[in-house]
PDB file of N, CA and C in Angstrom:
ATOM      1  N   MET A   1       0.849  -1.167   0.000  1.00  0.00           N
ATOM      2  CA  MET A   1       0.000   0.000   0.000  1.00  0.00           C
ATOM      3  C   MET A   1       0.897   1.233   0.000  1.00  0.00           C
ATOM      4  N   SER A   2       0.560   2.203  -0.828  1.00  0.00           N
ATOM      5  CA  SER A   2       1.357   3.426  -0.884  1.00  0.00           C
ATOM      6  C   SER A   2       0.514   4.618  -0.443  1.00  0.00           C
ATOM      7  N   TYR A   3       1.195   5.626   0.035  1.00  0.00           N
ATOM      8  CA  TYR A   3       0.547   6.829   0.511  1.00  0.00           C
ATOM      9  C   TYR A   3       0.976   7.998  -0.354  1.00  0.00           C
ATOM     10  N   LYS A   4       0.058   8.949  -0.568  1.00  0.00           N
ATOM     11  CA  LYS A   4       0.407  10.137  -1.343  1.00  0.00           C
ATOM     12  C   LYS A   4       1.454  10.967  -0.605  1.00  0.00           C
ATOM     13  N   SER A   5       1.230  11.183   0.701  1.00  0.00           N
ATOM     14  CA  SER A   5       2.157  11.976   1.497  1.00  0.00           C
ATOM     15  C   SER A   5       1.817  11.821   2.970  1.00  0.00           C
ATOM     16  N   ASP A   6       2.709  12.302   3.811  1.00  0.00           N
ATOM     17  CA  ASP A   6       2.438  12.319   5.244  1.00  0.00           C
ATOM     18  C   ASP A   6       1.586  13.535   5.563  1.00  0.00           C
ATOM     19  N   VAL A   7       0.671  13.379   6.500  1.00  0.00           N
ATOM     20  CA  VAL A   7      -0.192  14.484   6.910  1.00  0.00           C
ATOM     21  C   VAL A   7       0.144  14.838   8.351  1.00  0.00           C
ATOM     22  N   LYS A   8       0.193  16.131   8.632  1.00  0.00           N
ATOM     23  CA  LYS A   8       0.512  16.639   9.959  1.00  0.00           C
ATOM     24  C   LYS A   8      -0.648  17.496  10.435  1.00  0.00           C
ATOM     25  N   ALA A   9      -0.995  17.407  11.698  1.00  0.00           N
ATOM     26  CA  ALA A   9      -2.060  18.225  12.282  1.00  0.00           C
ATOM     27  C   ALA A   9      -1.438  19.250  13.223  1.00  0.00           C
ATOM     28  N   ILE A  10      -1.747  20.523  12.999  1.00  0.00           N
ATOM     29  CA  ILE A  10      -1.207  21.605  13.819  1.00  0.00           C
ATOM     30  C   ILE A  10      -2.375  22.414  14.382  1.00  0.00           C
ATOM     31  N   ARG A  11      -2.423  22.537  15.697  1.00  0.00           N
ATOM     32  CA  ARG A  11      -3.522  23.241  16.371  1.00  0.00           C
ATOM     33  C   ARG A  11      -3.040  24.622  16.814  1.00  0.00           C
ATOM     34  N   ARG A  12      -3.862  25.639  16.555  1.00  0.00           N
ATOM     35  CA  ARG A  12      -3.511  27.014  16.926  1.00  0.00           C
ATOM     36  C   ARG A  12      -4.728  27.749  17.493  1.00  0.00           C
ATOM     37  N   ASN A  13      -4.446  28.707  18.367  1.00  0.00           N
ATOM     38  CA  ASN A  13      -5.496  29.605  18.860  1.00  0.00           C
ATOM     39  C   ASN A  13      -5.070  31.064  18.758  1.00  0.00           C
ATOM     40  N   THR A  14      -3.988  31.304  17.978  1.00  0.00           N
ATOM     41  CA  THR A  14      -3.511  32.665  17.723  1.00  0.00           C
ATOM     42  C   THR A  14      -3.121  32.780  16.244  1.00  0.00           C
ATOM     43  N   THR A  15      -2.970  34.001  15.776  1.00  0.00           N
ATOM     44  CA  THR A  15      -2.526  34.229  14.399  1.00  0.00           C
ATOM     45  C   THR A  15      -1.024  33.951  14.296  1.00  0.00           C
ATOM     46  N   GLY A  16      -0.530  33.862  13.067  1.00  0.00           N
ATOM     47  CA  GLY A  16       0.892  33.648  12.839  1.00  0.00           C
ATOM     48  C   GLY A  16       1.151  32.482  11.912  1.00  0.00           C
ATOM     49  N   VAL A  17       2.414  32.107  11.805  1.00  0.00           N
ATOM     50  CA  VAL A  17       2.846  31.041  10.903  1.00  0.00           C
ATOM     51  C   VAL A  17       2.393  29.685  11.435  1.00  0.00           C
ATOM     52  N   VAL A  18       1.810  28.890  10.551  1.00  0.00           N
ATOM     53  CA  VAL A  18       1.436  27.512  10.872  1.00  0.00           C
ATOM     54  C   VAL A  18       2.525  26.568  10.375  1.00  0.00           C
ATOM     55  N   PHE A  19       2.964  26.793   9.133  1.00  0.00           N
ATOM     56  CA  PHE A  19       4.021  25.981   8.523  1.00  0.00           C
ATOM     57  C   PHE A  19       4.780  26.871   7.555  1.00  0.00           C
ATOM     58  N   ALA A  20       6.118  26.869   7.627  1.00  0.00           N
ATOM     59  CA  ALA A  20       6.918  27.845   6.889  1.00  0.00           C
ATOM     60  C   ALA A  20       7.407  27.380   5.521  1.00  0.00           C
ATOM     61  N   GLY A  21       7.074  26.192   5.091  1.00  0.00           N
ATOM     62  CA  GLY A  21       7.527  25.726   3.788  1.00  0.00           C
ATOM     63  C   GLY A  21       6.378  25.443   2.843  1.00  0.00           C
ATOM     64  N   ARG A  22       6.724  25.121   1.619  1.00  0.00           N
ATOM     65  CA  ARG A  22       5.712  24.761   0.623  1.00  0.00           C
ATOM     66  C   ARG A  22       4.914  23.569   1.145  1.00  0.00           C
ATOM     67  N   THR A  23       3.589  23.665   1.098  1.00  0.00           N
ATOM     68  CA  THR A  23       2.742  22.602   1.627  1.00  0.00           C
ATOM     69  C   THR A  23       1.351  22.665   1.014  1.00  0.00           C
ATOM     70  N   ARG A  24       0.571  21.669   1.290  1.00  0.00           N
ATOM     71  CA  ARG A  24      -0.818  21.625   0.827  1.00  0.00           C
ATOM     72  C   ARG A  24      -1.750  21.480   2.017  1.00  0.00           C
ATOM     73  N   LEU A  25      -2.771  22.310   2.041  1.00  0.00           N
ATOM     74  CA  LEU A  25      -3.820  22.208   3.043  1.00  0.00           C
ATOM     75  C   LEU A  25      -4.690  21.018   2.673  1.00  0.00           C
ATOM     76  N   ARG A  26      -4.827  20.061   3.589  1.00  0.00           N
ATOM     77  CA  ARG A  26      -5.608  18.842   3.336  1.00  0.00           C
ATOM     78  C   ARG A  26      -6.953  18.845   4.043  1.00  0.00           C
ATOM     79  N   GLY A  27      -7.033  19.587   5.129  1.00  0.00           N
ATOM     80  CA  GLY A  27      -8.282  19.648   5.880  1.00  0.00           C
ATOM     81  C   GLY A  27      -8.176  20.674   6.979  1.00  0.00           C
ATOM     82  N   ILE A  28      -9.314  20.951   7.619  1.00  0.00           N
ATOM     83  CA  ILE A  28      -9.344  21.960   8.668  1.00  0.00           C
ATOM     84  C   ILE A  28     -10.465  21.638   9.649  1.00  0.00           C
ATOM     85  N   ILE A  29     -10.203  21.906  10.921  1.00  0.00           N
ATOM     86  CA  ILE A  29     -11.221  21.787  11.966  1.00  0.00           C
ATOM     87  C   ILE A  29     -11.211  23.115  12.709  1.00  0.00           C
ATOM     88  N   LEU A  30     -12.336  23.792  12.714  1.00  0.00           N
ATOM     89  CA  LEU A  30     -12.449  25.104  13.345  1.00  0.00           C
ATOM     90  C   LEU A  30     -13.535  25.054  14.398  1.00  0.00           C
ATOM     91  N   GLY A  31     -13.195  25.438  15.610  1.00  0.00           N
ATOM     92  CA  GLY A  31     -14.161  25.450  16.705  1.00  0.00           C
ATOM     93  C   GLY A  31     -14.426  26.861  17.180  1.00  0.00           C
ATOM     94  N   ALA A  32     -15.713  27.190  17.360  1.00  0.00           N
ATOM     95  CA  ALA A  32     -16.087  28.489  17.929  1.00  0.00           C
ATOM     96  C   ALA A  32     -15.674  28.504  19.402  1.00  0.00           C
ATOM     97  N   GLU A  33     -15.274  29.671  19.892  1.00  0.00           N
ATOM     98  CA  GLU A  33     -14.767  29.775  21.264  1.00  0.00           C
ATOM     99  C   GLU A  33     -15.811  29.455  22.321  1.00  0.00           C
ATOM    100  N   ASN A  34     -17.030  29.920  22.113  1.00  0.00           N
ATOM    101  CA  ASN A  34     -18.069  29.734  23.127  1.00  0.00           C
ATOM    102  C   ASN A  34     -19.446  29.781  22.472  1.00  0.00           C
ATOM    103  N   ALA A  35     -20.477  29.800  23.298  1.00  0.00           N
ATOM    104  CA  ALA A  35     -21.854  29.747  22.789  1.00  0.00           C
ATOM    105  C   ALA A  35     -22.365  31.091  22.282  1.00  0.00           C
ATOM    106  N   THR A  36     -21.518  32.124  22.262  1.00  0.00           N
ATOM    107  CA  THR A  36     -21.972  33.433  21.790  1.00  0.00           C
ATOM    108  C   THR A  36     -21.110  34.007  20.669  1.00  0.00           C
ATOM    109  N   THR A  37     -20.058  33.284  20.272  1.00  0.00           N
ATOM    110  CA  THR A  37     -19.119  33.805  19.280  1.00  0.00           C
ATOM    111  C   THR A  37     -19.016  32.870  18.078  1.00  0.00           C
ATOM    112  N   VAL A  38     -19.063  33.435  16.889  1.00  0.00           N
ATOM    113  CA  VAL A  38     -18.837  32.673  15.657  1.00  0.00           C
ATOM    114  C   VAL A  38     -17.344  32.410  15.524  1.00  0.00           C
ATOM    115  N   GLY A  39     -16.969  31.207  15.114  1.00  0.00           N
ATOM    116  CA  GLY A  39     -15.569  30.901  14.837  1.00  0.00           C
ATOM    117  C   GLY A  39     -15.244  31.320  13.411  1.00  0.00           C
ATOM    118  N   ALA A  40     -14.047  31.827  13.186  1.00  0.00           N
ATOM    119  CA  ALA A  40     -13.644  32.258  11.842  1.00  0.00           C
ATOM    120  C   ALA A  40     -12.128  32.167  11.717  1.00  0.00           C
ATOM    121  N   VAL A  41     -11.675  31.766  10.520  1.00  0.00           N
ATOM    122  CA  VAL A  41     -10.245  31.696  10.254  1.00  0.00           C
ATOM    123  C   VAL A  41      -9.982  32.137   8.815  1.00  0.00           C
ATOM    124  N   THR A  42      -8.865  32.832   8.630  1.00  0.00           N
ATOM    125  CA  THR A  42      -8.389  33.208   7.299  1.00  0.00           C
ATOM    126  C   THR A  42      -6.953  32.727   7.171  1.00  0.00           C
ATOM    127  N   LEU A  43      -6.714  31.886   6.156  1.00  0.00           N
ATOM    128  CA  LEU A  43      -5.372  31.363   5.894  1.00  0.00           C
ATOM    129  C   LEU A  43      -4.803  32.065   4.671  1.00  0.00           C
ATOM    130  N   VAL A  44      -3.556  32.515   4.794  1.00  0.00           N
ATOM    131  CA  VAL A  44      -2.894  33.229   3.702  1.00  0.00           C
ATOM    132  C   VAL A  44      -1.626  32.481   3.293  1.00  0.00           C
ATOM    133  N   ASN A  45      -1.143  32.793   2.081  1.00  0.00           N
ATOM    134  CA  ASN A  45       0.075  32.206   1.555  1.00  0.00           C
ATOM    135  C   ASN A  45       1.282  32.907   2.178  1.00  0.00           C
ATOM    136  N   GLY A  46       2.022  32.179   2.995  1.00  0.00           N
ATOM    137  CA  GLY A  46       3.212  32.733   3.638  1.00  0.00           C
ATOM    138  C   GLY A  46       2.891  33.964   4.461  1.00  0.00           C
ATOM    139  N   GLY A  47       3.714  34.995   4.333  1.00  0.00           N
ATOM    140  CA  GLY A  47       3.510  36.232   5.067  1.00  0.00           C
ATOM    141  C   GLY A  47       2.770  37.282   4.254  1.00  0.00           C
ATOM    142  N   THR A  48       2.124  36.870   3.173  1.00  0.00           N
ATOM    143  CA  THR A  48       1.442  37.812   2.289  1.00  0.00           C
ATOM    144  C   THR A  48       0.027  38.097   2.770  1.00  0.00           C
ATOM    145  N   THR A  49      -0.682  38.879   2.001  1.00  0.00           N
ATOM    146  CA  THR A  49      -2.101  39.121   2.273  1.00  0.00           C
ATOM    147  C   THR A  49      -2.978  38.350   1.284  1.00  0.00           C
ATOM    148  N   ASN A  50      -2.360  37.425   0.523  1.00  0.00           N
ATOM    149  CA  ASN A  50      -3.100  36.634  -0.449  1.00  0.00           C
ATOM    150  C   ASN A  50      -3.907  35.553   0.268  1.00  0.00           C
ATOM    151  N   ILE A  51      -5.216  35.744   0.353  1.00  0.00           N
ATOM    152  CA  ILE A  51      -6.092  34.804   1.036  1.00  0.00           C
ATOM    153  C   ILE A  51      -6.277  33.571   0.165  1.00  0.00           C
ATOM    154  N   TYR A  52      -5.966  32.402   0.731  1.00  0.00           N
ATOM    155  CA  TYR A  52      -6.128  31.141   0.010  1.00  0.00           C
ATOM    156  C   TYR A  52      -7.301  30.325   0.548  1.00  0.00           C
ATOM    157  N   PHE A  53      -7.705  30.565   1.817  1.00  0.00           N
ATOM    158  CA  PHE A  53      -8.802  29.779   2.395  1.00  0.00           C
ATOM    159  C   PHE A  53      -9.415  30.544   3.564  1.00  0.00           C
ATOM    160  N   GLN A  54     -10.745  30.547   3.619  1.00  0.00           N
ATOM    161  CA  GLN A  54     -11.479  31.140   4.738  1.00  0.00           C
ATOM    162  C   GLN A  54     -12.572  30.179   5.157  1.00  0.00           C
ATOM    163  N   ALA A  55     -12.855  30.133   6.462  1.00  0.00           N
ATOM    164  CA  ALA A  55     -13.927  29.273   6.960  1.00  0.00           C
ATOM    165  C   ALA A  55     -14.565  29.910   8.185  1.00  0.00           C
ATOM    166  N   ASP A  56     -15.828  29.565   8.395  1.00  0.00           N
ATOM    167  CA  ASP A  56     -16.577  30.019   9.564  1.00  0.00           C
ATOM    168  C   ASP A  56     -17.194  28.810  10.256  1.00  0.00           C
ATOM    169  N   ALA A  57     -17.325  28.887  11.576  1.00  0.00           N
ATOM    170  CA  ALA A  57     -18.007  27.865  12.364  1.00  0.00           C
ATOM    171  C   ALA A  57     -19.179  28.539  13.066  1.00  0.00           C
ATOM    172  N   PRO A  58     -20.353  27.917  13.060  1.00  0.00           N
ATOM    173  CA  PRO A  58     -21.497  28.507  13.739  1.00  0.00           C
ATOM    174  C   PRO A  58     -21.226  28.705  15.230  1.00  0.00           C
ATOM    175  N   VAL A  59     -21.943  29.599  15.834  1.00  0.00           N
ATOM    176  CA  VAL A  59     -21.816  29.894  17.267  1.00  0.00           C
ATOM    177  C   VAL A  59     -21.878  28.592  18.066  1.00  0.00           C
ATOM    178  N   GLY A  60     -20.865  28.377  18.924  1.00  0.00           N
ATOM    179  CA  GLY A  60     -20.838  27.219  19.803  1.00  0.00           C
ATOM    180  C   GLY A  60     -20.708  25.880  19.098  1.00  0.00           C
ATOM    181  N   ASP A  61     -20.238  25.864  17.864  1.00  0.00           N
ATOM    182  CA  ASP A  61     -20.194  24.636  17.077  1.00  0.00           C
ATOM    183  C   ASP A  61     -18.799  24.430  16.486  1.00  0.00           C
ATOM    184  N   VAL A  62     -18.669  23.396  15.663  1.00  0.00           N
ATOM    185  CA  VAL A  62     -17.404  23.049  15.018  1.00  0.00           C
ATOM    186  C   VAL A  62     -17.631  22.912  13.522  1.00  0.00           C
ATOM    187  N   PHE A  63     -16.672  23.409  12.729  1.00  0.00           N
ATOM    188  CA  PHE A  63     -16.673  23.240  11.282  1.00  0.00           C
ATOM    189  C   PHE A  63     -15.489  22.340  10.952  1.00  0.00           C
ATOM    190  N   ALA A  64     -15.738  21.232  10.272  1.00  0.00           N
ATOM    191  CA  ALA A  64     -14.670  20.321   9.864  1.00  0.00           C
ATOM    192  C   ALA A  64     -14.813  20.052   8.372  1.00  0.00           C
ATOM    193  N   PHE A  65     -13.688  20.122   7.647  1.00  0.00           N
ATOM    194  CA  PHE A  65     -13.748  19.967   6.200  1.00  0.00           C
ATOM    195  C   PHE A  65     -12.484  19.280   5.706  1.00  0.00           C
ATOM    196  N   ASN A  66     -12.665  18.201   4.941  1.00  0.00           N
ATOM    197  CA  ASN A  66     -11.555  17.531   4.258  1.00  0.00           C
ATOM    198  C   ASN A  66     -11.531  18.036   2.828  1.00  0.00           C
ATOM    199  N   ILE A  67     -10.381  18.507   2.384  1.00  0.00           N
ATOM    200  CA  ILE A  67     -10.265  19.057   1.038  1.00  0.00           C
ATOM    201  C   ILE A  67      -9.945  17.913   0.070  1.00  0.00           C
ATOM    202  N   PRO A  68     -10.740  17.766  -0.979  1.00  0.00           N
ATOM    203  CA  PRO A  68     -10.566  16.646  -1.901  1.00  0.00           C
ATOM    204  C   PRO A  68      -9.300  16.749  -2.752  1.00  0.00           C
ATOM    205  N   GLU A  69      -8.967  15.614  -3.354  1.00  0.00           N
ATOM    206  CA  GLU A  69      -7.845  15.483  -4.288  1.00  0.00           C
ATOM    207  C   GLU A  69      -6.529  15.955  -3.689  1.00  0.00           C
ATOM    208  N   ASP A  70      -5.904  16.953  -4.287  1.00  0.00           N
ATOM    209  CA  ASP A  70      -4.572  17.386  -3.865  1.00  0.00           C
ATOM    210  C   ASP A  70      -4.570  18.541  -2.877  1.00  0.00           C
ATOM    211  N   GLY A  71      -5.717  18.940  -2.362  1.00  0.00           N
ATOM    212  CA  GLY A  71      -5.773  20.020  -1.396  1.00  0.00           C
ATOM    213  C   GLY A  71      -5.505  21.379  -2.020  1.00  0.00           C
ATOM    214  N   VAL A  72      -5.203  22.358  -1.172  1.00  0.00           N
ATOM    215  CA  VAL A  72      -4.911  23.721  -1.610  1.00  0.00           C
ATOM    216  C   VAL A  72      -3.416  23.961  -1.431  1.00  0.00           C
ATOM    217  N   LEU A  73      -2.735  24.307  -2.514  1.00  0.00           N
ATOM    218  CA  LEU A  73      -1.288  24.527  -2.470  1.00  0.00           C
ATOM    219  C   LEU A  73      -0.968  25.911  -1.909  1.00  0.00           C
ATOM    220  N   PHE A  74      -0.136  25.936  -0.884  1.00  0.00           N
ATOM    221  CA  PHE A  74       0.414  27.169  -0.318  1.00  0.00           C
ATOM    222  C   PHE A  74       1.907  27.160  -0.659  1.00  0.00           C
ATOM    223  N   GLU A  75       2.285  27.913  -1.676  1.00  0.00           N
ATOM    224  CA  GLU A  75       3.662  27.893  -2.177  1.00  0.00           C
ATOM    225  C   GLU A  75       4.680  28.368  -1.141  1.00  0.00           C
ATOM    226  N   ASP A  76       4.303  29.357  -0.323  1.00  0.00           N
ATOM    227  CA  ASP A  76       5.242  29.956   0.632  1.00  0.00           C
ATOM    228  C   ASP A  76       4.901  29.644   2.082  1.00  0.00           C
ATOM    229  N   GLY A  77       4.125  28.601   2.315  1.00  0.00           N
ATOM    230  CA  GLY A  77       3.749  28.230   3.669  1.00  0.00           C
ATOM    231  C   GLY A  77       2.374  28.755   4.042  1.00  0.00           C
ATOM    232  N   ILE A  78       1.848  28.250   5.149  1.00  0.00           N
ATOM    233  CA  ILE A  78       0.518  28.641   5.627  1.00  0.00           C
ATOM    234  C   ILE A  78       0.668  29.546   6.842  1.00  0.00           C
ATOM    235  N   SER A  79      -0.020  30.688   6.810  1.00  0.00           N
ATOM    236  CA  SER A  79      -0.092  31.582   7.955  1.00  0.00           C
ATOM    237  C   SER A  79      -1.548  31.909   8.227  1.00  0.00           C
ATOM    238  N   ILE A  80      -1.851  32.175   9.489  1.00  0.00           N
ATOM    239  CA  ILE A  80      -3.192  32.591   9.894  1.00  0.00           C
ATOM    240  C   ILE A  80      -3.167  34.103  10.035  1.00  0.00           C
ATOM    241  N   SER A  81      -3.987  34.798   9.223  1.00  0.00           N
ATOM    242  CA  SER A  81      -4.016  36.262   9.317  1.00  0.00           C
ATOM    243  C   SER A  81      -5.092  36.741  10.278  1.00  0.00           C
ATOM    244  N   SER A  82      -6.154  35.956  10.468  1.00  0.00           N
ATOM    245  CA  SER A  82      -7.159  36.290  11.478  1.00  0.00           C
ATOM    246  C   SER A  82      -7.788  35.000  11.985  1.00  0.00           C
ATOM    247  N   LEU A  83      -8.118  35.001  13.285  1.00  0.00           N
ATOM    248  CA  LEU A  83      -8.679  33.806  13.890  1.00  0.00           C
ATOM    249  C   LEU A  83      -9.543  34.168  15.087  1.00  0.00           C
ATOM    250  N   THR A  84     -10.737  33.603  15.104  1.00  0.00           N
ATOM    251  CA  THR A  84     -11.615  33.649  16.275  1.00  0.00           C
ATOM    252  C   THR A  84     -11.963  32.201  16.578  1.00  0.00           C
ATOM    253  N   GLY A  85     -11.510  31.702  17.696  1.00  0.00           N
ATOM    254  CA  GLY A  85     -11.726  30.302  18.040  1.00  0.00           C
ATOM    255  C   GLY A  85     -10.419  29.545  18.017  1.00  0.00           C
ATOM    256  N   THR A  86     -10.524  28.243  17.822  1.00  0.00           N
ATOM    257  CA  THR A  86      -9.354  27.361  17.763  1.00  0.00           C
ATOM    258  C   THR A  86      -9.404  26.591  16.459  1.00  0.00           C
ATOM    259  N   VAL A  87      -8.256  26.461  15.791  1.00  0.00           N
ATOM    260  CA  VAL A  87      -8.218  25.787  14.498  1.00  0.00           C
ATOM    261  C   VAL A  87      -7.145  24.688  14.518  1.00  0.00           C
ATOM    262  N   THR A  88      -7.474  23.567  13.909  1.00  0.00           N
ATOM    263  CA  THR A  88      -6.509  22.517  13.633  1.00  0.00           C
ATOM    264  C   THR A  88      -6.366  22.432  12.128  1.00  0.00           C
ATOM    265  N   VAL A  89      -5.149  22.644  11.648  1.00  0.00           N
ATOM    266  CA  VAL A  89      -4.860  22.640  10.218  1.00  0.00           C
ATOM    267  C   VAL A  89      -4.199  21.304   9.884  1.00  0.00           C
ATOM    268  N   LEU A  90      -4.750  20.596   8.900  1.00  0.00           N
ATOM    269  CA  LEU A  90      -4.197  19.339   8.431  1.00  0.00           C
ATOM    270  C   LEU A  90      -3.462  19.621   7.127  1.00  0.00           C
ATOM    271  N   LEU A  91      -2.150  19.324   7.089  1.00  0.00           N
ATOM    272  CA  LEU A  91      -1.339  19.677   5.934  1.00  0.00           C
ATOM    273  C   LEU A  91      -0.334  18.596   5.611  1.00  0.00           C
ATOM    274  N   ASP A  92       0.220  18.674   4.393  1.00  0.00           N
ATOM    275  CA  ASP A  92       1.302  17.765   4.023  1.00  0.00           C
ATOM    276  C   ASP A  92       2.524  18.112   4.835  1.00  0.00           C
ATOM    277  N   LYS A  93       3.193  17.100   5.282  1.00  0.00           N
ATOM    278  CA  LYS A  93       4.394  17.296   6.097  1.00  0.00           C
ATOM    279  C   LYS A  93       5.584  17.565   5.217  1.00  0.00           C
TER     280      LYS A  93
END
């Protein structure tokens, strides 16, 4: 049995760099902080302002999404430019 690639899960609750090298976003789990706040995350390519992925989680809930096929390519790494809640980013190692 062969695998396409290794997948790594990185959990964050603040903005900043998630992974500093070329990688592919494979999935995401976003949790709202509490029962009164919507969860939201914006992922950008490296340190740029180029938005590659955005997601929202309903108040007091969780949003989970597996990205099909080859995922979303982040040429210069994945960074979080804004975040409300907690996010787990699933990416190629």
